[in-house]
N, C-alpha and C. Protein backbone atom coordinates (compact mmCIF):
# COMPACT_ATOMS: atom_id res chain seq x y z
N MET A 1 116.59 160.13 90.90
CA MET A 1 117.64 160.37 89.94
C MET A 1 117.08 160.14 88.53
N THR A 2 117.33 161.08 87.65
CA THR A 2 116.87 160.99 86.27
C THR A 2 117.90 160.22 85.45
N ALA A 3 117.39 159.31 84.64
CA ALA A 3 118.29 158.54 83.77
C ALA A 3 118.91 159.46 82.74
N ARG A 4 120.18 159.24 82.47
CA ARG A 4 120.87 160.04 81.48
C ARG A 4 120.45 159.61 80.09
N ARG A 5 120.20 160.58 79.22
CA ARG A 5 119.81 160.28 77.85
C ARG A 5 121.05 159.95 77.04
N THR A 6 120.92 158.98 76.17
CA THR A 6 122.03 158.60 75.30
C THR A 6 121.70 159.00 73.87
N VAL A 7 122.72 159.04 73.05
CA VAL A 7 122.52 159.35 71.63
C VAL A 7 121.58 158.31 71.01
N ASP A 8 121.83 157.03 71.30
CA ASP A 8 120.97 155.98 70.75
C ASP A 8 119.52 156.16 71.19
N GLY A 9 119.33 156.55 72.44
CA GLY A 9 117.97 156.78 72.93
C GLY A 9 117.30 157.96 72.25
N MET A 10 118.06 159.03 72.04
CA MET A 10 117.49 160.20 71.37
C MET A 10 117.15 159.89 69.91
N VAL A 11 118.00 159.12 69.25
CA VAL A 11 117.72 158.73 67.86
C VAL A 11 116.47 157.86 67.82
N ALA A 12 116.34 156.93 68.75
CA ALA A 12 115.15 156.07 68.80
C ALA A 12 113.89 156.90 69.04
N GLU A 13 113.96 157.90 69.93
CA GLU A 13 112.82 158.79 70.17
C GLU A 13 112.43 159.54 68.89
N ALA A 14 113.43 160.06 68.20
CA ALA A 14 113.16 160.81 66.97
C ALA A 14 112.55 159.91 65.91
N LYS A 15 113.11 158.71 65.73
CA LYS A 15 112.60 157.80 64.71
C LYS A 15 111.16 157.37 65.00
N ALA A 16 110.80 157.33 66.27
CA ALA A 16 109.43 156.95 66.62
C ALA A 16 108.44 158.04 66.22
N ARG A 17 108.93 159.26 66.00
CA ARG A 17 108.05 160.39 65.68
C ARG A 17 108.03 160.74 64.20
N ILE A 18 108.86 160.09 63.40
CA ILE A 18 108.90 160.43 61.98
C ILE A 18 108.29 159.32 61.14
N GLU A 19 107.94 159.67 59.94
CA GLU A 19 107.37 158.72 58.98
C GLU A 19 108.30 158.67 57.78
N GLU A 20 108.70 157.49 57.40
CA GLU A 20 109.53 157.33 56.20
C GLU A 20 108.62 156.99 55.03
N LEU A 21 108.85 157.65 53.90
CA LEU A 21 108.03 157.45 52.71
C LEU A 21 108.84 156.77 51.62
N SER A 22 108.16 155.95 50.84
CA SER A 22 108.79 155.40 49.65
C SER A 22 108.78 156.49 48.57
N VAL A 23 109.52 156.27 47.52
CA VAL A 23 109.53 157.22 46.40
C VAL A 23 108.12 157.35 45.83
N ASP A 24 107.42 156.23 45.69
CA ASP A 24 106.06 156.27 45.13
C ASP A 24 105.10 157.03 46.05
N GLN A 25 105.22 156.85 47.36
CA GLN A 25 104.37 157.58 48.29
C GLN A 25 104.64 159.08 48.20
N LEU A 26 105.90 159.45 48.15
CA LEU A 26 106.25 160.87 48.05
C LEU A 26 105.75 161.44 46.73
N ARG A 27 105.94 160.72 45.66
CA ARG A 27 105.49 161.19 44.35
C ARG A 27 103.98 161.47 44.38
N ALA A 28 103.21 160.56 44.98
CA ALA A 28 101.75 160.73 45.05
C ALA A 28 101.40 161.98 45.86
N GLU A 29 102.07 162.20 46.97
CA GLU A 29 101.80 163.39 47.78
C GLU A 29 102.17 164.66 47.04
N LEU A 30 103.30 164.64 46.35
CA LEU A 30 103.70 165.81 45.58
C LEU A 30 102.71 166.12 44.47
N GLU A 31 102.21 165.08 43.81
CA GLU A 31 101.23 165.28 42.74
C GLU A 31 99.93 165.88 43.27
N ARG A 32 99.54 165.50 44.49
CA ARG A 32 98.33 166.06 45.10
C ARG A 32 98.57 167.46 45.65
N GLY A 33 99.83 167.83 45.81
CA GLY A 33 100.15 169.14 46.37
C GLY A 33 100.01 169.20 47.87
N ASP A 34 100.07 168.02 48.52
CA ASP A 34 99.85 167.94 49.96
C ASP A 34 101.10 168.16 50.80
N VAL A 35 102.23 168.37 50.17
CA VAL A 35 103.49 168.35 50.91
C VAL A 35 104.48 169.34 50.31
N LYS A 36 105.38 169.82 51.16
CA LYS A 36 106.52 170.60 50.69
C LYS A 36 107.75 169.74 50.88
N LEU A 37 108.55 169.62 49.83
CA LEU A 37 109.77 168.83 49.87
C LEU A 37 110.94 169.77 50.14
N VAL A 38 111.69 169.49 51.20
CA VAL A 38 112.84 170.30 51.56
C VAL A 38 114.09 169.45 51.41
N ASP A 39 115.00 169.89 50.56
CA ASP A 39 116.24 169.18 50.29
C ASP A 39 117.30 169.70 51.25
N ILE A 40 117.67 168.87 52.24
CA ILE A 40 118.59 169.31 53.28
C ILE A 40 120.05 168.96 52.98
N ARG A 41 120.31 168.50 51.76
CA ARG A 41 121.69 168.20 51.40
C ARG A 41 122.50 169.48 51.29
N ASP A 42 123.79 169.35 51.52
CA ASP A 42 124.71 170.46 51.35
C ASP A 42 124.70 170.92 49.89
N PHE A 43 124.92 172.20 49.67
CA PHE A 43 124.85 172.73 48.30
C PHE A 43 125.84 172.04 47.37
N ARG A 44 126.99 171.60 47.90
CA ARG A 44 127.97 170.90 47.06
C ARG A 44 127.41 169.56 46.58
N GLU A 45 126.68 168.89 47.44
CA GLU A 45 126.08 167.61 47.03
C GLU A 45 125.00 167.85 45.98
N ARG A 46 124.22 168.92 46.14
CA ARG A 46 123.21 169.24 45.13
C ARG A 46 123.85 169.57 43.78
N ILE A 47 125.01 170.23 43.82
CA ILE A 47 125.73 170.52 42.58
C ILE A 47 126.24 169.22 41.96
N ASP A 48 126.85 168.37 42.78
CA ASP A 48 127.43 167.11 42.28
C ASP A 48 126.38 166.13 41.80
N ARG A 49 125.28 166.01 42.53
CA ARG A 49 124.28 164.96 42.24
C ARG A 49 123.00 165.49 41.59
N GLY A 50 122.87 166.79 41.51
CA GLY A 50 121.69 167.37 40.89
C GLY A 50 120.65 167.81 41.92
N THR A 51 119.77 168.65 41.45
CA THR A 51 118.71 169.18 42.31
C THR A 51 117.43 168.40 42.10
N ILE A 52 116.51 168.57 43.02
CA ILE A 52 115.21 167.94 42.93
C ILE A 52 114.22 169.02 42.49
N PRO A 53 113.54 168.82 41.37
CA PRO A 53 112.61 169.85 40.89
C PRO A 53 111.59 170.24 41.96
N ASN A 54 111.40 171.53 42.14
CA ASN A 54 110.43 172.12 43.06
C ASN A 54 110.74 171.92 44.54
N ALA A 55 111.89 171.31 44.86
CA ALA A 55 112.27 171.17 46.27
C ALA A 55 112.82 172.49 46.78
N ILE A 56 112.59 172.75 48.06
CA ILE A 56 113.13 173.93 48.71
C ILE A 56 114.50 173.57 49.26
N PRO A 57 115.57 174.22 48.79
CA PRO A 57 116.89 173.90 49.33
C PRO A 57 117.07 174.55 50.71
N ALA A 58 117.45 173.75 51.68
CA ALA A 58 117.69 174.26 53.03
C ALA A 58 118.76 173.37 53.67
N PRO A 59 120.02 173.76 53.60
CA PRO A 59 121.08 172.92 54.13
C PRO A 59 120.82 172.52 55.58
N ARG A 60 121.11 171.29 55.91
CA ARG A 60 120.83 170.76 57.24
C ARG A 60 121.36 171.65 58.35
N GLY A 61 122.52 172.22 58.17
CA GLY A 61 123.11 173.07 59.20
C GLY A 61 122.36 174.37 59.44
N MET A 62 121.50 174.76 58.51
CA MET A 62 120.74 176.01 58.64
C MET A 62 119.25 175.79 58.85
N LEU A 63 118.82 174.56 58.80
CA LEU A 63 117.39 174.24 58.79
C LEU A 63 116.62 174.91 59.93
N GLU A 64 117.06 174.73 61.16
CA GLU A 64 116.35 175.31 62.30
C GLU A 64 116.31 176.83 62.23
N PHE A 65 117.42 177.42 61.79
CA PHE A 65 117.49 178.88 61.72
C PHE A 65 116.55 179.43 60.64
N TRP A 66 116.48 178.75 59.50
CA TRP A 66 115.64 179.22 58.41
C TRP A 66 114.16 179.02 58.70
N PHE A 67 113.81 178.04 59.56
CA PHE A 67 112.42 177.76 59.87
C PHE A 67 111.91 178.56 61.07
N CYS A 68 112.81 179.08 61.90
CA CYS A 68 112.42 179.77 63.13
C CYS A 68 112.08 181.23 62.84
N HIS A 69 110.84 181.62 63.12
CA HIS A 69 110.39 182.99 62.86
C HIS A 69 111.21 184.03 63.64
N ASP A 70 111.77 183.62 64.78
CA ASP A 70 112.52 184.56 65.61
C ASP A 70 114.00 184.67 65.22
N SER A 71 114.45 183.84 64.31
CA SER A 71 115.85 183.84 63.91
C SER A 71 116.12 184.96 62.92
N LYS A 72 117.29 185.56 63.04
CA LYS A 72 117.65 186.59 62.06
C LYS A 72 117.90 185.99 60.69
N TYR A 73 118.00 184.66 60.62
CA TYR A 73 118.20 183.95 59.35
C TYR A 73 116.90 183.39 58.77
N PHE A 74 115.77 183.70 59.42
CA PHE A 74 114.47 183.16 58.98
C PHE A 74 114.24 183.47 57.51
N ARG A 75 113.73 182.45 56.81
CA ARG A 75 113.31 182.61 55.42
C ARG A 75 111.84 182.30 55.34
N GLY A 76 111.08 183.15 54.70
CA GLY A 76 109.65 182.94 54.58
C GLY A 76 109.31 181.74 53.72
N GLY A 77 108.03 181.41 53.70
CA GLY A 77 107.58 180.32 52.85
C GLY A 77 107.36 179.02 53.59
N TYR A 78 107.73 178.98 54.86
CA TYR A 78 107.55 177.79 55.66
C TYR A 78 106.42 178.04 56.66
N GLN A 79 105.53 177.11 56.75
CA GLN A 79 104.47 177.18 57.76
C GLN A 79 104.60 175.94 58.63
N HIS A 80 104.52 176.11 59.92
CA HIS A 80 104.73 174.99 60.82
C HIS A 80 103.63 173.94 60.73
N ASP A 81 102.49 174.28 60.17
CA ASP A 81 101.43 173.27 60.04
C ASP A 81 101.43 172.63 58.65
N ASP A 82 102.35 173.05 57.77
CA ASP A 82 102.50 172.37 56.48
C ASP A 82 103.07 170.98 56.70
N ARG A 83 102.70 170.06 55.83
CA ARG A 83 103.36 168.75 55.84
C ARG A 83 104.67 168.92 55.09
N ILE A 84 105.77 168.62 55.75
CA ILE A 84 107.09 168.83 55.20
C ILE A 84 107.82 167.50 55.16
N VAL A 85 108.43 167.21 54.01
CA VAL A 85 109.26 166.01 53.85
C VAL A 85 110.68 166.48 53.65
N LEU A 86 111.58 165.93 54.45
CA LEU A 86 113.00 166.25 54.33
C LEU A 86 113.70 165.17 53.54
N TYR A 87 114.50 165.60 52.57
CA TYR A 87 115.29 164.65 51.81
C TYR A 87 116.75 164.93 52.06
């Protein structure tokens, strides 16, 4: 019998695979040009709180569709081997 996956377990698995950066770490990577910053906030939040210079806007609800080459909603400019930071 396979153990049932829980939301908490899936979140823990995801967190084990991601890296959290400080503002200073992100700034250094952006200055080196080693990373693409993707702003996943809703467009209303970007309007209310402002945009991030040079960030690629990609609302969280569309992220997978915009990144998937097979999706009819695919947007170019993303490479799967690029280092991508989501904000």
